[in-house]
Amino acid sequence: MKVAAGSLALLATLVATVAAPAPARADGLYFSEGFGGTRFDNELGAWTDGAFRIRAALGFRADRIAIEGFLSADTQVDHADTQEPELFSYGLDVKYNVPISRLWEVYVRGSASRMTVTTSQLEDYGGRGLGVGTGLQVKGKAPLAGLLYPPLLIACVVSDVCKRGKLGPRGTIAAYIDQGYDFYRLHDPRGARGSIDVEATRWTIGFAIGSDF
């Protein structure tokens, strides 16, 4: 009976969440850029334990679904050690966004990508991977001129003060934090040493700007 009661309570919560009034629909193109760190495990962990990550993406959002095509690089801070591999990736993320207030959203995402090693004895190893992730973002409408003066940008996002003035074209601006996990199998293009498995745990902090998203 306790299990049944708990299941009914969970179902009631889900129904209430879905039935709650939704915020205005978001549809539009956007660009995002982020920076963070990657920890490598599994067989690649014998070559490097981590790297600094740079990621850029172009996305389109329709209501709660967003699709992003991205490029990213995992680079070593100490370039004197040429034995530690650096990696380049490109792929596609699909996100499902859930608004939790006027400014804040959480999201879950799935990722399909390809990774290539660009340095070290593993150079040219490459292969496909799959990943999952979660994130939190804060976003709002603001004049694009606010990019030149961050305090104005923040004031416009968190309040309605900029709606009363004529400060030029407006766009959607966001900041986000993302945590994800990816698994890759990289193959030796020469076929001499087989393949290696890669587990990548990533943290990324970044921003996005666009028409609406």
C-alpha atoms as a PDB file:
ATOM      1  CA  MET A   1       0.000   0.000   0.000  1.00  0.00           C
ATOM      2  CA  LYS A   2       2.850   2.382   0.791  1.00  0.00           C
ATOM      3  CA  VAL A   3       4.408   1.705  -2.617  1.00  0.00           C
ATOM      4  CA  ALA A   4       1.075   2.332  -4.335  1.00  0.00           C
ATOM      5  CA  ALA A   5       0.546   5.550  -2.399  1.00  0.00           C
ATOM      6  CA  GLY A   6       4.037   6.717  -3.304  1.00  0.00           C
ATOM      7  CA  SER A   7       3.449   5.922  -6.975  1.00  0.00           C
ATOM      8  CA  LEU A   8       0.153   7.849  -6.950  1.00  0.00           C
ATOM      9  CA  ALA A   9       1.861  10.833  -5.337  1.00  0.00           C
ATOM     10  CA  LEU A  10       4.606  10.779  -7.981  1.00  0.00           C
ATOM     11  CA  LEU A  11       2.020  10.490 -10.768  1.00  0.00           C
ATOM     12  CA  ALA A  12       0.042  13.399  -9.311  1.00  0.00           C
ATOM     13  CA  THR A  13       3.208  15.516  -9.211  1.00  0.00           C
ATOM     14  CA  LEU A  14       4.025  14.716 -12.842  1.00  0.00           C
ATOM     15  CA  VAL A  15       0.481  15.491 -13.962  1.00  0.00           C
ATOM     16  CA  ALA A  16       0.518  18.797 -12.094  1.00  0.00           C
ATOM     17  CA  THR A  17       3.862  19.700 -13.674  1.00  0.00           C
ATOM     18  CA  VAL A  18       2.675  18.914 -17.198  1.00  0.00           C
ATOM     19  CA  ALA A  19      -0.679  20.637 -16.680  1.00  0.00           C
ATOM     20  CA  ALA A  20       0.834  23.794 -15.170  1.00  0.00           C
ATOM     21  CA  PRO A  21       0.688  26.924 -17.360  1.00  0.00           C
ATOM     22  CA  ALA A  22       3.734  27.034 -19.616  1.00  0.00           C
ATOM     23  CA  PRO A  23       5.825  30.124 -20.246  1.00  0.00           C
ATOM     24  CA  ALA A  24       5.912  31.740 -23.666  1.00  0.00           C
ATOM     25  CA  ARG A  25       7.146  29.431 -26.399  1.00  0.00           C
ATOM     26  CA  ALA A  26      10.804  29.875 -27.327  1.00  0.00           C
ATOM     27  CA  ASP A  27      11.799  29.410 -30.970  1.00  0.00           C
ATOM     28  CA  GLY A  28      14.989  30.646 -32.566  1.00  0.00           C
ATOM     29  CA  LEU A  29      18.643  30.350 -33.495  1.00  0.00           C
ATOM     30  CA  TYR A  30      21.489  30.887 -31.045  1.00  0.00           C
ATOM     31  CA  PHE A  31      25.258  30.629 -30.644  1.00  0.00           C
ATOM     32  CA  SER A  32      26.969  29.364 -27.505  1.00  0.00           C
ATOM     33  CA  GLU A  33      30.534  29.109 -26.261  1.00  0.00           C
ATOM     34  CA  GLY A  34      31.863  27.418 -23.152  1.00  0.00           C
ATOM     35  CA  PHE A  35      35.018  26.543 -21.248  1.00  0.00           C
ATOM     36  CA  GLY A  36      35.753  23.905 -18.656  1.00  0.00           C
ATOM     37  CA  GLY A  37      37.585  20.729 -17.820  1.00  0.00           C
ATOM     38  CA  THR A  38      37.567  17.094 -18.895  1.00  0.00           C
ATOM     39  CA  ARG A  39      38.635  14.074 -16.843  1.00  0.00           C
ATOM     40  CA  PHE A  40      39.618  11.012 -18.873  1.00  0.00           C
ATOM     41  CA  ASP A  41      39.250   7.447 -17.599  1.00  0.00           C
ATOM     42  CA  ASN A  42      39.457   3.933 -19.015  1.00  0.00           C
ATOM     43  CA  GLU A  43      42.336   3.215 -21.458  1.00  0.00           C
ATOM     44  CA  LEU A  44      42.987   6.843 -22.406  1.00  0.00           C
ATOM     45  CA  GLY A  45      43.532   7.518 -18.693  1.00  0.00           C
ATOM     46  CA  ALA A  46      46.934   5.822 -19.037  1.00  0.00           C
ATOM     47  CA  TRP A  47      48.001   8.648 -21.355  1.00  0.00           C
ATOM     48  CA  THR A  48      46.362  11.661 -19.702  1.00  0.00           C
ATOM     49  CA  ASP A  49      44.113  12.267 -16.721  1.00  0.00           C
ATOM     50  CA  GLY A  50      42.497  15.444 -18.020  1.00  0.00           C
ATOM     51  CA  ALA A  51      42.496  18.511 -20.243  1.00  0.00           C
ATOM     52  CA  PHE A  52      41.135  22.026 -20.634  1.00  0.00           C
ATOM     53  CA  ARG A  53      38.004  22.095 -22.799  1.00  0.00           C
ATOM     54  CA  ILE A  54      36.752  24.698 -25.272  1.00  0.00           C
ATOM     55  CA  ARG A  55      33.350  24.253 -26.930  1.00  0.00           C
ATOM     56  CA  ALA A  56      31.397  26.283 -29.512  1.00  0.00           C
ATOM     57  CA  ALA A  57      27.924  25.450 -30.838  1.00  0.00           C
ATOM     58  CA  LEU A  58      25.208  26.710 -33.158  1.00  0.00           C
ATOM     59  CA  GLY A  59      21.714  25.688 -32.138  1.00  0.00           C
ATOM     60  CA  PHE A  60      18.030  25.949 -32.890  1.00  0.00           C
ATOM     61  CA  ARG A  61      15.283  25.706 -30.287  1.00  0.00           C
ATOM     62  CA  ALA A  62      11.609  24.887 -30.894  1.00  0.00           C
ATOM     63  CA  ASP A  63       9.560  25.132 -27.695  1.00  0.00           C
ATOM     64  CA  ARG A  64      11.361  22.855 -25.191  1.00  0.00           C
ATOM     65  CA  ILE A  65      13.517  20.943 -27.693  1.00  0.00           C
ATOM     66  CA  ALA A  66      16.897  22.308 -28.796  1.00  0.00           C
ATOM     67  CA  ILE A  67      19.356  20.840 -31.305  1.00  0.00           C
ATOM     68  CA  GLU A  68      22.994  21.945 -31.304  1.00  0.00           C
ATOM     69  CA  GLY A  69      25.830  21.201 -33.702  1.00  0.00           C
ATOM     70  CA  PHE A  70      29.114  21.669 -31.845  1.00  0.00           C
ATOM     71  CA  LEU A  71      32.899  21.697 -32.141  1.00  0.00           C
ATOM     72  CA  SER A  72      35.150  21.154 -29.117  1.00  0.00           C
ATOM     73  CA  ALA A  73      38.810  20.741 -28.251  1.00  0.00           C
ATOM     74  CA  ASP A  74      40.416  19.118 -25.207  1.00  0.00           C
ATOM     75  CA  THR A  75      43.826  20.734 -24.966  1.00  0.00           C
ATOM     76  CA  GLN A  76      46.725  20.324 -22.563  1.00  0.00           C
ATOM     77  CA  VAL A  77      47.749  23.331 -20.491  1.00  0.00           C
ATOM     78  CA  ASP A  78      51.382  22.174 -20.416  1.00  0.00           C
ATOM     79  CA  HIS A  79      52.342  21.942 -24.092  1.00  0.00           C
ATOM     80  CA  ALA A  80      55.900  20.924 -23.190  1.00  0.00           C
ATOM     81  CA  ASP A  81      54.691  17.366 -22.586  1.00  0.00           C
ATOM     82  CA  THR A  82      54.083  16.130 -26.124  1.00  0.00           C
ATOM     83  CA  GLN A  83      53.144  12.631 -24.885  1.00  0.00           C
ATOM     84  CA  GLU A  84      49.799  13.804 -23.517  1.00  0.00           C
ATOM     85  CA  PRO A  85      47.175  13.653 -26.255  1.00  0.00           C
ATOM     86  CA  GLU A  86      45.008  16.554 -27.366  1.00  0.00           C
ATOM     87  CA  LEU A  87      41.625  15.782 -28.839  1.00  0.00           C
ATOM     88  CA  PHE A  88      39.182  17.369 -31.260  1.00  0.00           C
ATOM     89  CA  SER A  89      35.474  16.509 -31.331  1.00  0.00           C
ATOM     90  CA  TYR A  90      32.401  17.438 -33.319  1.00  0.00           C
ATOM     91  CA  GLY A  91      28.849  16.251 -33.024  1.00  0.00           C
ATOM     92  CA  LEU A  92      25.197  16.863 -32.244  1.00  0.00           C
ATOM     93  CA  ASP A  93      23.405  17.501 -28.944  1.00  0.00           C
ATOM     94  CA  VAL A  94      19.641  17.203 -28.430  1.00  0.00           C
ATOM     95  CA  LYS A  95      18.316  18.987 -25.323  1.00  0.00           C
ATOM     96  CA  TYR A  96      15.010  18.935 -23.484  1.00  0.00           C
ATOM     97  CA  ASN A  97      14.554  22.145 -21.483  1.00  0.00           C
ATOM     98  CA  VAL A  98      12.286  22.532 -18.444  1.00  0.00           C
ATOM     99  CA  PRO A  99      11.578  26.097 -17.169  1.00  0.00           C
ATOM    100  CA  ILE A 100      11.515  26.315 -13.371  1.00  0.00           C
ATOM    101  CA  SER A 101      10.964  30.086 -13.117  1.00  0.00           C
ATOM    102  CA  ARG A 102      10.887  33.187 -15.307  1.00  0.00           C
ATOM    103  CA  LEU A 103      14.686  33.213 -15.580  1.00  0.00           C
ATOM    104  CA  TRP A 104      15.875  29.694 -14.773  1.00  0.00           C
ATOM    105  CA  GLU A 105      15.753  26.448 -16.731  1.00  0.00           C
ATOM    106  CA  VAL A 106      17.140  22.956 -16.248  1.00  0.00           C
ATOM    107  CA  TYR A 107      17.776  20.548 -19.104  1.00  0.00           C
ATOM    108  CA  VAL A 108      18.841  17.028 -19.971  1.00  0.00           C
ATOM    109  CA  ARG A 109      20.627  16.156 -23.199  1.00  0.00           C
ATOM    110  CA  GLY A 110      21.878  13.317 -25.328  1.00  0.00           C
ATOM    111  CA  SER A 111      24.955  13.551 -27.526  1.00  0.00           C
ATOM    112  CA  ALA A 112      26.402  11.765 -30.562  1.00  0.00           C
ATOM    113  CA  SER A 113      29.880  12.810 -31.663  1.00  0.00           C
ATOM    114  CA  ARG A 114      33.199  11.861 -33.207  1.00  0.00           C
ATOM    115  CA  MET A 115      36.591  12.330 -31.510  1.00  0.00           C
ATOM    116  CA  THR A 116      40.071  12.430 -33.055  1.00  0.00           C
ATOM    117  CA  VAL A 117      43.463  12.510 -31.313  1.00  0.00           C
ATOM    118  CA  THR A 118      45.597  15.299 -32.808  1.00  0.00           C
ATOM    119  CA  THR A 119      48.933  14.841 -30.949  1.00  0.00           C
ATOM    120  CA  SER A 120      51.114  12.234 -29.149  1.00  0.00           C
ATOM    121  CA  GLN A 121      51.774   8.601 -30.094  1.00  0.00           C
ATOM    122  CA  LEU A 122      47.995   8.153 -30.436  1.00  0.00           C
ATOM    123  CA  GLU A 123      47.793  10.769 -33.209  1.00  0.00           C
ATOM    124  CA  ASP A 124      45.024  10.100 -35.750  1.00  0.00           C
ATOM    125  CA  TYR A 125      43.192   7.639 -33.505  1.00  0.00           C
ATOM    126  CA  GLY A 126      39.507   8.378 -33.944  1.00  0.00           C
ATOM    127  CA  GLY A 127      36.035   7.044 -33.373  1.00  0.00           C
ATOM    128  CA  ARG A 128      32.418   7.715 -32.524  1.00  0.00           C
ATOM    129  CA  GLY A 129      30.889   8.221 -29.102  1.00  0.00           C
ATOM    130  CA  LEU A 130      27.631   8.690 -27.229  1.00  0.00           C
ATOM    131  CA  GLY A 131      26.975  10.840 -24.191  1.00  0.00           C
ATOM    132  CA  VAL A 132      24.455  12.234 -21.738  1.00  0.00           C
ATOM    133  CA  GLY A 133      24.388  15.377 -19.651  1.00  0.00           C
ATOM    134  CA  THR A 134      22.426  17.788 -17.507  1.00  0.00           C
ATOM    135  CA  GLY A 135      22.592  21.525 -17.088  1.00  0.00           C
ATOM    136  CA  LEU A 136      21.214  24.678 -15.509  1.00  0.00           C
ATOM    137  CA  GLN A 137      20.854  28.007 -17.295  1.00  0.00           C
ATOM    138  CA  VAL A 138      19.644  31.491 -16.527  1.00  0.00           C
ATOM    139  CA  LYS A 139      18.391  33.572 -19.438  1.00  0.00           C
ATOM    140  CA  GLY A 140      16.488  36.701 -20.329  1.00  0.00           C
ATOM    141  CA  LYS A 141      15.869  39.386 -22.917  1.00  0.00           C
ATOM    142  CA  ALA A 142      18.321  42.298 -23.074  1.00  0.00           C
ATOM    143  CA  PRO A 143      19.582  44.940 -25.517  1.00  0.00           C
ATOM    144  CA  LEU A 144      22.562  43.672 -27.477  1.00  0.00           C
ATOM    145  CA  ALA A 145      24.318  46.920 -26.521  1.00  0.00           C
ATOM    146  CA  GLY A 146      24.511  45.463 -23.012  1.00  0.00           C
ATOM    147  CA  LEU A 147      27.296  43.180 -24.215  1.00  0.00           C
ATOM    148  CA  LEU A 148      29.514  46.242 -24.100  1.00  0.00           C
ATOM    149  CA  TYR A 149      28.600  46.986 -20.462  1.00  0.00           C
ATOM    150  CA  PRO A 150      27.928  43.869 -18.340  1.00  0.00           C
ATOM    151  CA  PRO A 151      26.196  45.692 -15.415  1.00  0.00           C
ATOM    152  CA  LEU A 152      23.529  46.958 -17.851  1.00  0.00           C
ATOM    153  CA  LEU A 153      23.196  43.465 -19.278  1.00  0.00           C
ATOM    154  CA  ILE A 154      22.580  41.940 -15.846  1.00  0.00           C
ATOM    155  CA  ALA A 155      20.077  44.648 -14.902  1.00  0.00           C
ATOM    156  CA  CYS A 156      18.111  44.092 -18.115  1.00  0.00           C
ATOM    157  CA  VAL A 157      17.982  40.315 -17.703  1.00  0.00           C
ATOM    158  CA  VAL A 158      16.818  40.237 -14.069  1.00  0.00           C
ATOM    159  CA  SER A 159      14.314  43.105 -14.315  1.00  0.00           C
ATOM    160  CA  ASP A 160      12.022  44.869 -16.764  1.00  0.00           C
ATOM    161  CA  VAL A 161      13.857  48.192 -16.545  1.00  0.00           C
ATOM    162  CA  CYS A 162      15.110  48.046 -20.157  1.00  0.00           C
ATOM    163  CA  LYS A 163      11.629  47.612 -21.604  1.00  0.00           C
ATOM    164  CA  ARG A 164      10.889  51.246 -20.836  1.00  0.00           C
ATOM    165  CA  GLY A 165      13.839  52.593 -22.792  1.00  0.00           C
ATOM    166  CA  LYS A 166      15.038  52.528 -26.374  1.00  0.00           C
ATOM    167  CA  LEU A 167      18.406  50.825 -26.152  1.00  0.00           C
ATOM    168  CA  GLY A 168      18.513  49.225 -29.572  1.00  0.00           C
ATOM    169  CA  PRO A 169      17.929  45.658 -30.798  1.00  0.00           C
ATOM    170  CA  ARG A 170      17.148  43.039 -28.175  1.00  0.00           C
ATOM    171  CA  GLY A 171      18.126  39.395 -28.031  1.00  0.00           C
ATOM    172  CA  THR A 172      18.044  36.432 -25.681  1.00  0.00           C
ATOM    173  CA  ILE A 173      21.180  36.086 -23.553  1.00  0.00           C
ATOM    174  CA  ALA A 174      21.974  33.181 -21.228  1.00  0.00           C
ATOM    175  CA  ALA A 175      24.651  31.759 -18.964  1.00  0.00           C
ATOM    176  CA  TYR A 176      24.835  28.047 -18.234  1.00  0.00           C
ATOM    177  CA  ILE A 177      26.674  25.299 -16.381  1.00  0.00           C
ATOM    178  CA  ASP A 178      26.739  21.781 -17.819  1.00  0.00           C
ATOM    179  CA  GLN A 179      27.962  18.392 -16.590  1.00  0.00           C
ATOM    180  CA  GLY A 180      28.224  15.426 -18.933  1.00  0.00           C
ATOM    181  CA  TYR A 181      29.612  11.968 -19.570  1.00  0.00           C
ATOM    182  CA  ASP A 182      30.744  10.579 -22.942  1.00  0.00           C
ATOM    183  CA  PHE A 183      32.028   7.166 -24.003  1.00  0.00           C
ATOM    184  CA  TYR A 184      34.188   6.752 -27.131  1.00  0.00           C
ATOM    185  CA  ARG A 185      35.932   3.876 -28.870  1.00  0.00           C
ATOM    186  CA  LEU A 186      38.934   5.190 -30.806  1.00  0.00           C
ATOM    187  CA  HIS A 187      40.523   3.120 -33.560  1.00  0.00           C
ATOM    188  CA  ASP A 188      44.084   3.115 -34.916  1.00  0.00           C
ATOM    189  CA  PRO A 189      43.731   4.132 -38.596  1.00  0.00           C
ATOM    190  CA  ARG A 190      46.753   1.943 -39.448  1.00  0.00           C
ATOM    191  CA  GLY A 191      45.186  -1.066 -37.759  1.00  0.00           C
ATOM    192  CA  ALA A 192      48.393  -1.918 -35.931  1.00  0.00           C
ATOM    193  CA  ARG A 193      47.309  -1.445 -32.319  1.00  0.00           C
ATOM    194  CA  GLY A 194      43.585  -2.045 -32.320  1.00  0.00           C
ATOM    195  CA  SER A 195      41.334   0.354 -30.417  1.00  0.00           C
ATOM    196  CA  ILE A 196      41.178   2.124 -27.062  1.00  0.00           C
ATOM    197  CA  ASP A 197      38.147   3.035 -24.958  1.00  0.00           C
ATOM    198  CA  VAL A 198      37.665   6.538 -23.577  1.00  0.00           C
ATOM    199  CA  GLU A 199      35.402   7.748 -20.778  1.00  0.00           C
ATOM    200  CA  ALA A 200      35.181  11.549 -20.552  1.00  0.00           C
ATOM    201  CA  THR A 201      33.547  13.383 -17.649  1.00  0.00           C
ATOM    202  CA  ARG A 202      33.133  17.072 -18.428  1.00  0.00           C
ATOM    203  CA  TRP A 203      32.169  20.312 -16.680  1.00  0.00           C
ATOM    204  CA  THR A 204      31.471  23.353 -18.838  1.00  0.00           C
ATOM    205  CA  ILE A 205      30.539  26.956 -18.004  1.00  0.00           C
ATOM    206  CA  GLY A 206      29.485  29.226 -20.830  1.00  0.00           C
ATOM    207  CA  PHE A 207      27.137  31.742 -22.418  1.00  0.00           C
ATOM    208  CA  ALA A 208      24.675  31.814 -25.297  1.00  0.00           C
ATOM    209  CA  ILE A 209      23.181  34.592 -27.396  1.00  0.00           C
ATOM    210  CA  GLY A 210      20.497  34.478 -30.056  1.00  0.00           C
ATOM    211  CA  SER A 211      17.065  35.510 -31.286  1.00  0.00           C
ATOM    212  CA  ASP A 212      15.094  33.311 -28.859  1.00  0.00           C
ATOM    213  CA  PHE A 213      15.866  29.972 -27.185  1.00  0.00           C
END
